[in-house]
Amino acid sequence: MKYIRFRKDNEIYYGVVKGNSITQLDGDYIKGETRPLSTEFSLDEVEVLTPVDPRQVLCIGLNYEAHAKETGKPIPEEPMMFMASPSAVVAHDKEIVLPNLEHRIDYEAELVIVIGKEAKDVKREEALSYIFGYTIGNDVSNRHLQKKDGQFTRAKSFSTFKPLGPVIETELEPNQSPIKLTLNGEVKQESNTNDLIHNIEQLLVKITEVMTLQPGDVIYTGTPSGVGPLSPGDVVEAEVGGIGVLRNRVREK
């Protein structure tokens, strides 16, 4: 099932998407069970919002084997975790704003986990039960500041640097899903989550050894090989098979 959060006539609604049609729900799907209402909308007549408003944004670095090799860095023995500011999250069809054109700022297509219930010290065999569903992310990254700081928070947390959406898919094989990114129509990244070094269950186990996750928190699970720079005027589209396409335009601040 595909869930969506959207705005219509200055009101925020929650719904289920089928094709180009949205059936409104009676509440927030992350907060509890919801039921469909009789109201329907077309995707063309609403503003798509991020499918969740996360309290925590976790990210995993170097989590595809081919990407680790292209960077020349060793395969991480454990997930490389870092945080990004929730204020960096931006929706489908919104602009990515580049504040420093003299810096290299890269795209990174990613499968994103959406947490469905409080998770702490999760067991591997129970890990998937803590997940509400999956969406698409673009982990936009300022490489100059990443290298300068020696850690990732500033480089990854500029406003608009975490595109997220457009929907949450609850029925997905997360460890066997195609992932792709196109820049101005040209394929730049193309892989499958079966190349993940630390799969979805492993990530939940290791992350919740450290911290407690709450419903609506998101985890960017890493990017495949083929990362590259963004420029003003670009249109970048991240795609995960079974979920859809996350599209954003790029402009200078």
C-alpha atoms as a PDB file:
ATOM      1  CA  MET A   1       0.000   0.000   0.000  1.00  0.00           C
ATOM      2  CA  LYS A   2       1.229   3.500  -0.839  1.00  0.00           C
ATOM      3  CA  TYR A   3       0.616   6.209   1.753  1.00  0.00           C
ATOM      4  CA  ILE A   4       0.871   9.933   1.064  1.00  0.00           C
ATOM      5  CA  ARG A   5       0.747  13.183   3.024  1.00  0.00           C
ATOM      6  CA  PHE A   6      -0.482  16.175   1.071  1.00  0.00           C
ATOM      7  CA  ARG A   7      -1.843  19.723   1.219  1.00  0.00           C
ATOM      8  CA  LYS A   8      -5.083  20.916  -0.331  1.00  0.00           C
ATOM      9  CA  ASP A   9      -6.640  24.357   0.254  1.00  0.00           C
ATOM     10  CA  ASN A  10      -4.109  25.065   3.046  1.00  0.00           C
ATOM     11  CA  GLU A  11      -5.102  21.916   4.935  1.00  0.00           C
ATOM     12  CA  ILE A  12      -2.857  18.874   5.483  1.00  0.00           C
ATOM     13  CA  TYR A  13      -4.340  15.472   4.749  1.00  0.00           C
ATOM     14  CA  TYR A  14      -3.276  11.823   4.737  1.00  0.00           C
ATOM     15  CA  GLY A  15      -4.223   9.334   2.080  1.00  0.00           C
ATOM     16  CA  VAL A  16      -3.653   6.148   0.104  1.00  0.00           C
ATOM     17  CA  VAL A  17      -2.517   6.360  -3.513  1.00  0.00           C
ATOM     18  CA  LYS A  18      -3.780   4.139  -6.318  1.00  0.00           C
ATOM     19  CA  GLY A  19      -2.621   5.234  -9.744  1.00  0.00           C
ATOM     20  CA  ASN A  20      -3.337   8.952  -9.997  1.00  0.00           C
ATOM     21  CA  SER A  21      -6.030   8.891  -7.310  1.00  0.00           C
ATOM     22  CA  ILE A  22      -5.765   9.597  -3.571  1.00  0.00           C
ATOM     23  CA  THR A  23      -8.322   8.262  -1.091  1.00  0.00           C
ATOM     24  CA  GLN A  24      -8.323  10.413   2.039  1.00  0.00           C
ATOM     25  CA  LEU A  25      -7.758   8.772   5.431  1.00  0.00           C
ATOM     26  CA  ASP A  26      -9.293   9.863   8.724  1.00  0.00           C
ATOM     27  CA  GLY A  27      -5.938  10.565  10.391  1.00  0.00           C
ATOM     28  CA  ASP A  28      -2.157  10.225  10.423  1.00  0.00           C
ATOM     29  CA  TYR A  29      -1.138   6.700   9.399  1.00  0.00           C
ATOM     30  CA  ILE A  30       2.046   6.916  11.495  1.00  0.00           C
ATOM     31  CA  LYS A  31       0.122   7.628  14.707  1.00  0.00           C
ATOM     32  CA  GLY A  32      -2.210   4.662  14.498  1.00  0.00           C
ATOM     33  CA  GLU A  33      -4.732   2.734  12.473  1.00  0.00           C
ATOM     34  CA  THR A  34      -6.718   4.780   9.997  1.00  0.00           C
ATOM     35  CA  ARG A  35      -9.744   4.152   7.811  1.00  0.00           C
ATOM     36  CA  PRO A  36     -10.530   5.430   4.331  1.00  0.00           C
ATOM     37  CA  LEU A  37     -13.094   8.182   3.836  1.00  0.00           C
ATOM     38  CA  SER A  38     -15.306   8.813   0.823  1.00  0.00           C
ATOM     39  CA  THR A  39     -13.256  11.846  -0.248  1.00  0.00           C
ATOM     40  CA  GLU A  40     -10.925  11.399  -3.210  1.00  0.00           C
ATOM     41  CA  PHE A  41      -8.387  13.698  -4.851  1.00  0.00           C
ATOM     42  CA  SER A  42      -6.271  13.594  -7.972  1.00  0.00           C
ATOM     43  CA  LEU A  43      -2.498  13.743  -7.537  1.00  0.00           C
ATOM     44  CA  ASP A  44      -2.510  16.610 -10.022  1.00  0.00           C
ATOM     45  CA  GLU A  45      -4.603  18.847  -7.758  1.00  0.00           C
ATOM     46  CA  VAL A  46      -2.662  18.543  -4.491  1.00  0.00           C
ATOM     47  CA  GLU A  47       0.723  19.591  -3.119  1.00  0.00           C
ATOM     48  CA  VAL A  48       2.716  16.504  -2.180  1.00  0.00           C
ATOM     49  CA  LEU A  49       4.394  16.829   1.234  1.00  0.00           C
ATOM     50  CA  THR A  50       7.080  14.672   2.783  1.00  0.00           C
ATOM     51  CA  PRO A  51       5.304  11.426   3.776  1.00  0.00           C
ATOM     52  CA  VAL A  52       6.452  11.889   7.386  1.00  0.00           C
ATOM     53  CA  ASP A  53       7.727  14.774   9.503  1.00  0.00           C
ATOM     54  CA  PRO A  54      10.644  12.995  11.209  1.00  0.00           C
ATOM     55  CA  ARG A  55      11.964  13.776  14.674  1.00  0.00           C
ATOM     56  CA  GLN A  56      15.251  12.035  13.840  1.00  0.00           C
ATOM     57  CA  VAL A  57      17.030  11.651  10.508  1.00  0.00           C
ATOM     58  CA  LEU A  58      19.679   8.919  10.606  1.00  0.00           C
ATOM     59  CA  CYS A  59      22.014   8.216   7.714  1.00  0.00           C
ATOM     60  CA  ILE A  60      24.350   5.357   6.876  1.00  0.00           C
ATOM     61  CA  GLY A  61      27.584   5.951   4.979  1.00  0.00           C
ATOM     62  CA  LEU A  62      29.473   3.583   2.672  1.00  0.00           C
ATOM     63  CA  ASN A  63      26.791   0.907   2.732  1.00  0.00           C
ATOM     64  CA  TYR A  64      26.999  -0.349  -0.871  1.00  0.00           C
ATOM     65  CA  GLU A  65      29.998  -2.464  -1.722  1.00  0.00           C
ATOM     66  CA  ALA A  66      30.525  -0.861  -5.140  1.00  0.00           C
ATOM     67  CA  HIS A  67      30.303   2.646  -3.651  1.00  0.00           C
ATOM     68  CA  ALA A  68      32.863   1.803  -0.975  1.00  0.00           C
ATOM     69  CA  LYS A  69      35.190   0.554  -3.695  1.00  0.00           C
ATOM     70  CA  GLU A  70      34.763   3.693  -5.827  1.00  0.00           C
ATOM     71  CA  THR A  71      35.751   5.867  -2.859  1.00  0.00           C
ATOM     72  CA  GLY A  72      38.862   3.757  -2.223  1.00  0.00           C
ATOM     73  CA  LYS A  73      37.831   3.195   1.388  1.00  0.00           C
ATOM     74  CA  PRO A  74      37.714  -0.141   3.235  1.00  0.00           C
ATOM     75  CA  ILE A  75      34.411  -1.966   3.702  1.00  0.00           C
ATOM     76  CA  PRO A  76      32.987  -0.867   7.085  1.00  0.00           C
ATOM     77  CA  GLU A  77      32.773  -3.719   9.587  1.00  0.00           C
ATOM     78  CA  GLU A  78      29.802  -2.011  11.234  1.00  0.00           C
ATOM     79  CA  PRO A  79      27.300   0.518   9.881  1.00  0.00           C
ATOM     80  CA  MET A  80      28.776   4.013   9.636  1.00  0.00           C
ATOM     81  CA  MET A  81      26.092   6.114  11.368  1.00  0.00           C
ATOM     82  CA  PHE A  82      25.599   9.862  11.367  1.00  0.00           C
ATOM     83  CA  MET A  83      22.753  12.297  11.911  1.00  0.00           C
ATOM     84  CA  ALA A  84      21.312  15.011   9.698  1.00  0.00           C
ATOM     85  CA  SER A  85      19.033  17.832  10.769  1.00  0.00           C
ATOM     86  CA  PRO A  86      15.295  17.223  10.258  1.00  0.00           C
ATOM     87  CA  SER A  87      15.142  20.809   8.994  1.00  0.00           C
ATOM     88  CA  ALA A  88      16.998  19.613   5.864  1.00  0.00           C
ATOM     89  CA  VAL A  89      14.057  17.451   4.793  1.00  0.00           C
ATOM     90  CA  VAL A  90      12.161  18.643   1.709  1.00  0.00           C
ATOM     91  CA  ALA A  91       9.361  17.122  -0.350  1.00  0.00           C
ATOM     92  CA  HIS A  92       9.005  15.722  -3.856  1.00  0.00           C
ATOM     93  CA  ASP A  93       8.973  18.426  -6.545  1.00  0.00           C
ATOM     94  CA  LYS A  94      10.518  21.011  -4.198  1.00  0.00           C
ATOM     95  CA  GLU A  95      13.836  22.692  -4.991  1.00  0.00           C
ATOM     96  CA  ILE A  96      17.274  21.692  -3.760  1.00  0.00           C
ATOM     97  CA  VAL A  97      19.058  24.952  -2.986  1.00  0.00           C
ATOM     98  CA  LEU A  98      22.851  25.116  -3.390  1.00  0.00           C
ATOM     99  CA  PRO A  99      24.340  27.681  -0.971  1.00  0.00           C
ATOM    100  CA  ASN A 100      28.009  27.330  -2.006  1.00  0.00           C
ATOM    101  CA  LEU A 101      28.599  26.989  -5.741  1.00  0.00           C
ATOM    102  CA  GLU A 102      32.356  26.949  -5.178  1.00  0.00           C
ATOM    103  CA  HIS A 103      31.867  23.682  -3.237  1.00  0.00           C
ATOM    104  CA  ARG A 104      31.169  20.294  -4.797  1.00  0.00           C
ATOM    105  CA  ILE A 105      27.665  19.214  -3.749  1.00  0.00           C
ATOM    106  CA  ASP A 106      26.669  15.665  -4.717  1.00  0.00           C
ATOM    107  CA  TYR A 107      23.460  13.684  -5.189  1.00  0.00           C
ATOM    108  CA  GLU A 108      22.978  10.295  -3.480  1.00  0.00           C
ATOM    109  CA  ALA A 109      19.896   8.162  -4.220  1.00  0.00           C
ATOM    110  CA  GLU A 110      18.842   6.074  -1.221  1.00  0.00           C
ATOM    111  CA  LEU A 111      16.202   3.683   0.058  1.00  0.00           C
ATOM    112  CA  VAL A 112      14.782   5.164   3.270  1.00  0.00           C
ATOM    113  CA  ILE A 113      13.286   3.236   6.192  1.00  0.00           C
ATOM    114  CA  VAL A 114      10.277   4.741   7.986  1.00  0.00           C
ATOM    115  CA  ILE A 115       9.938   3.542  11.582  1.00  0.00           C
ATOM    116  CA  GLY A 116       6.469   2.438  12.661  1.00  0.00           C
ATOM    117  CA  LYS A 117       6.820   1.826  16.407  1.00  0.00           C
ATOM    118  CA  GLU A 118       9.258   2.578  19.215  1.00  0.00           C
ATOM    119  CA  ALA A 119      12.415   0.568  18.663  1.00  0.00           C
ATOM    120  CA  LYS A 120      15.224  -0.133  21.145  1.00  0.00           C
ATOM    121  CA  ASP A 121      17.546  -3.157  21.289  1.00  0.00           C
ATOM    122  CA  VAL A 122      15.782  -4.752  18.362  1.00  0.00           C
ATOM    123  CA  LYS A 123      16.422  -8.438  17.633  1.00  0.00           C
ATOM    124  CA  ARG A 124      17.312  -9.320  14.053  1.00  0.00           C
ATOM    125  CA  GLU A 125      14.422 -11.739  13.605  1.00  0.00           C
ATOM    126  CA  GLU A 126      11.956  -9.033  14.717  1.00  0.00           C
ATOM    127  CA  ALA A 127      13.546  -6.083  12.913  1.00  0.00           C
ATOM    128  CA  LEU A 128      11.125  -5.768   9.994  1.00  0.00           C
ATOM    129  CA  SER A 129       8.131  -5.602  12.357  1.00  0.00           C
ATOM    130  CA  TYR A 130       9.361  -2.196  13.585  1.00  0.00           C
ATOM    131  CA  ILE A 131       9.242  -0.730  10.085  1.00  0.00           C
ATOM    132  CA  PHE A 132       6.101   1.031   8.852  1.00  0.00           C
ATOM    133  CA  GLY A 133       7.333   1.151   5.277  1.00  0.00           C
ATOM    134  CA  TYR A 134       9.883   2.535   2.847  1.00  0.00           C
ATOM    135  CA  THR A 135      10.326   5.707   0.847  1.00  0.00           C
ATOM    136  CA  ILE A 136      12.996   7.358  -1.309  1.00  0.00           C
ATOM    137  CA  GLY A 137      15.662   9.839  -0.270  1.00  0.00           C
ATOM    138  CA  ASN A 138      18.401  11.931  -1.843  1.00  0.00           C
ATOM    139  CA  ASP A 139      21.260  12.429   0.618  1.00  0.00           C
ATOM    140  CA  VAL A 140      22.619  15.675  -0.839  1.00  0.00           C
ATOM    141  CA  SER A 141      26.158  16.214   0.443  1.00  0.00           C
ATOM    142  CA  ASN A 142      28.639  19.096   0.506  1.00  0.00           C
ATOM    143  CA  ARG A 143      31.942  17.276  -0.107  1.00  0.00           C
ATOM    144  CA  HIS A 144      34.118  20.304   0.710  1.00  0.00           C
ATOM    145  CA  LEU A 145      32.665  20.620   4.210  1.00  0.00           C
ATOM    146  CA  GLN A 146      32.560  16.856   4.702  1.00  0.00           C
ATOM    147  CA  LYS A 147      36.305  16.689   4.141  1.00  0.00           C
ATOM    148  CA  LYS A 148      37.031  19.868   6.082  1.00  0.00           C
ATOM    149  CA  ASP A 149      35.033  18.884   9.180  1.00  0.00           C
ATOM    150  CA  GLY A 150      35.998  15.218   9.286  1.00  0.00           C
ATOM    151  CA  GLN A 151      32.382  14.414  10.170  1.00  0.00           C
ATOM    152  CA  PHE A 152      29.159  14.770   8.243  1.00  0.00           C
ATOM    153  CA  THR A 153      26.575  16.786  10.170  1.00  0.00           C
ATOM    154  CA  ARG A 154      27.206  20.228   8.660  1.00  0.00           C
ATOM    155  CA  ALA A 155      27.827  18.891   5.143  1.00  0.00           C
ATOM    156  CA  LYS A 156      24.546  16.966   5.120  1.00  0.00           C
ATOM    157  CA  SER A 157      22.195  19.304   6.999  1.00  0.00           C
ATOM    158  CA  PHE A 158      21.709  22.402   4.862  1.00  0.00           C
ATOM    159  CA  SER A 159      18.074  23.297   4.254  1.00  0.00           C
ATOM    160  CA  THR A 160      16.664  21.208   1.334  1.00  0.00           C
ATOM    161  CA  PHE A 161      19.581  18.712   1.434  1.00  0.00           C
ATOM    162  CA  LYS A 162      17.352  15.749   2.377  1.00  0.00           C
ATOM    163  CA  PRO A 163      14.642  15.284  -0.263  1.00  0.00           C
ATOM    164  CA  LEU A 164      12.189  12.606   0.897  1.00  0.00           C
ATOM    165  CA  GLY A 165       9.144  10.951  -0.666  1.00  0.00           C
ATOM    166  CA  PRO A 166       6.872  11.016  -2.499  1.00  0.00           C
ATOM    167  CA  VAL A 167       5.066   8.094  -0.823  1.00  0.00           C
ATOM    168  CA  ILE A 168       5.607   5.342   1.734  1.00  0.00           C
ATOM    169  CA  GLU A 169       5.309   1.819   0.324  1.00  0.00           C
ATOM    170  CA  THR A 170       4.482  -0.815   2.934  1.00  0.00           C
ATOM    171  CA  GLU A 171       4.890  -3.856   0.655  1.00  0.00           C
ATOM    172  CA  LEU A 172       8.495  -4.033  -0.515  1.00  0.00           C
ATOM    173  CA  GLU A 173      11.375  -6.483  -0.433  1.00  0.00           C
ATOM    174  CA  PRO A 174      13.902  -3.996   0.989  1.00  0.00           C
ATOM    175  CA  ASN A 175      16.979  -6.157   0.481  1.00  0.00           C
ATOM    176  CA  GLN A 176      16.168  -6.900  -3.160  1.00  0.00           C
ATOM    177  CA  SER A 177      14.965  -3.649  -4.723  1.00  0.00           C
ATOM    178  CA  PRO A 178      16.326  -1.836  -7.793  1.00  0.00           C
ATOM    179  CA  ILE A 179      17.554   1.705  -7.179  1.00  0.00           C
ATOM    180  CA  LYS A 180      18.422   4.334  -9.777  1.00  0.00           C
ATOM    181  CA  LEU A 181      19.181   8.029 -10.140  1.00  0.00           C
ATOM    182  CA  THR A 182      18.949  10.130 -13.287  1.00  0.00           C
ATOM    183  CA  LEU A 183      20.334  13.632 -13.729  1.00  0.00           C
ATOM    184  CA  ASN A 184      18.664  15.610 -16.523  1.00  0.00           C
ATOM    185  CA  GLY A 185      17.430  12.306 -17.941  1.00  0.00           C
ATOM    186  CA  GLU A 186      20.828  10.582 -17.906  1.00  0.00           C
ATOM    187  CA  VAL A 187      21.277   7.539 -15.675  1.00  0.00           C
ATOM    188  CA  LYS A 188      24.041   8.191 -13.116  1.00  0.00           C
ATOM    189  CA  GLN A 189      23.364   5.541 -10.478  1.00  0.00           C
ATOM    190  CA  GLU A 190      21.855   2.106 -11.057  1.00  0.00           C
ATOM    191  CA  SER A 191      22.069  -0.757  -8.606  1.00  0.00           C
ATOM    192  CA  ASN A 192      20.054  -2.973  -6.295  1.00  0.00           C
ATOM    193  CA  THR A 193      19.758  -3.085  -2.516  1.00  0.00           C
ATOM    194  CA  ASN A 194      21.193  -6.606  -2.680  1.00  0.00           C
ATOM    195  CA  ASP A 195      24.546  -4.776  -2.832  1.00  0.00           C
ATOM    196  CA  LEU A 196      24.022  -3.387   0.673  1.00  0.00           C
ATOM    197  CA  ILE A 197      26.913  -4.232   2.985  1.00  0.00           C
ATOM    198  CA  HIS A 198      24.671  -4.056   6.055  1.00  0.00           C
ATOM    199  CA  ASN A 199      21.122  -5.043   5.154  1.00  0.00           C
ATOM    200  CA  ILE A 200      17.918  -3.596   6.558  1.00  0.00           C
ATOM    201  CA  GLU A 201      17.679  -5.984   9.519  1.00  0.00           C
ATOM    202  CA  GLN A 202      21.334  -5.426  10.467  1.00  0.00           C
ATOM    203  CA  LEU A 203      20.841  -1.654  10.393  1.00  0.00           C
ATOM    204  CA  LEU A 204      17.891  -1.804  12.784  1.00  0.00           C
ATOM    205  CA  VAL A 205      19.825  -4.026  15.185  1.00  0.00           C
ATOM    206  CA  LYS A 206      22.966  -1.872  15.272  1.00  0.00           C
ATOM    207  CA  ILE A 207      21.191   1.501  15.367  1.00  0.00           C
ATOM    208  CA  THR A 208      18.872   0.512  18.210  1.00  0.00           C
ATOM    209  CA  GLU A 209      21.796  -0.741  20.264  1.00  0.00           C
ATOM    210  CA  VAL A 210      22.694   2.946  20.457  1.00  0.00           C
ATOM    211  CA  MET A 211      19.459   4.935  20.370  1.00  0.00           C
ATOM    212  CA  THR A 212      15.704   4.680  20.601  1.00  0.00           C
ATOM    213  CA  LEU A 213      13.764   5.225  17.401  1.00  0.00           C
ATOM    214  CA  GLN A 214      10.224   6.616  17.376  1.00  0.00           C
ATOM    215  CA  PRO A 215       7.386   6.301  14.850  1.00  0.00           C
ATOM    216  CA  GLY A 216       8.089   8.565  11.890  1.00  0.00           C
ATOM    217  CA  ASP A 217      11.865   8.586  12.315  1.00  0.00           C
ATOM    218  CA  VAL A 218      13.709   7.830   9.087  1.00  0.00           C
ATOM    219  CA  ILE A 219      16.926   6.051   8.147  1.00  0.00           C
ATOM    220  CA  TYR A 220      18.720   6.834   4.877  1.00  0.00           C
ATOM    221  CA  THR A 221      20.340   3.460   4.196  1.00  0.00           C
ATOM    222  CA  GLY A 222      23.272   4.444   1.961  1.00  0.00           C
ATOM    223  CA  THR A 223      23.856   5.143  -1.714  1.00  0.00           C
ATOM    224  CA  PRO A 224      25.137   3.033  -4.634  1.00  0.00           C
ATOM    225  CA  SER A 225      28.159   3.860  -6.761  1.00  0.00           C
ATOM    226  CA  GLY A 226      27.995   6.668  -9.308  1.00  0.00           C
ATOM    227  CA  VAL A 227      27.613   9.718  -7.066  1.00  0.00           C
ATOM    228  CA  GLY A 228      28.356  13.051  -8.701  1.00  0.00           C
ATOM    229  CA  PRO A 229      27.860  16.822  -8.508  1.00  0.00           C
ATOM    230  CA  LEU A 230      24.716  18.923  -8.807  1.00  0.00           C
ATOM    231  CA  SER A 231      24.472  22.264 -10.606  1.00  0.00           C
ATOM    232  CA  PRO A 232      21.788  24.977 -10.768  1.00  0.00           C
ATOM    233  CA  GLY A 233      19.149  24.051 -13.337  1.00  0.00           C
ATOM    234  CA  ASP A 234      19.536  20.308 -12.889  1.00  0.00           C
ATOM    235  CA  VAL A 235      16.571  17.984 -12.502  1.00  0.00           C
ATOM    236  CA  VAL A 236      17.461  14.996 -10.338  1.00  0.00           C
ATOM    237  CA  GLU A 237      15.235  11.924 -10.045  1.00  0.00           C
ATOM    238  CA  ALA A 238      15.810   9.136  -7.530  1.00  0.00           C
ATOM    239  CA  GLU A 239      13.863   5.931  -8.106  1.00  0.00           C
ATOM    240  CA  VAL A 240      13.312   2.745  -6.111  1.00  0.00           C
ATOM    241  CA  GLY A 241      11.413  -0.059  -7.815  1.00  0.00           C
ATOM    242  CA  GLY A 242       8.007  -0.560  -6.228  1.00  0.00           C
ATOM    243  CA  ILE A 243       7.922   2.888  -4.623  1.00  0.00           C
ATOM    244  CA  GLY A 244       8.143   5.468  -7.390  1.00  0.00           C
ATOM    245  CA  VAL A 245      10.235   8.491  -8.325  1.00  0.00           C
ATOM    246  CA  LEU A 246      11.434  11.372  -6.126  1.00  0.00           C
ATOM    247  CA  ARG A 247      12.032  14.407  -8.347  1.00  0.00           C
ATOM    248  CA  ASN A 248      13.674  17.718  -7.423  1.00  0.00           C
ATOM    249  CA  ARG A 249      14.990  20.705  -9.338  1.00  0.00           C
ATOM    250  CA  VAL A 250      18.219  22.414  -8.314  1.00  0.00           C
ATOM    251  CA  ARG A 251      18.854  26.136  -8.002  1.00  0.00           C
ATOM    252  CA  GLU A 252      21.403  28.524  -6.583  1.00  0.00           C
ATOM    253  CA  LYS A 253      20.640  30.252  -3.297  1.00  0.00           C
END
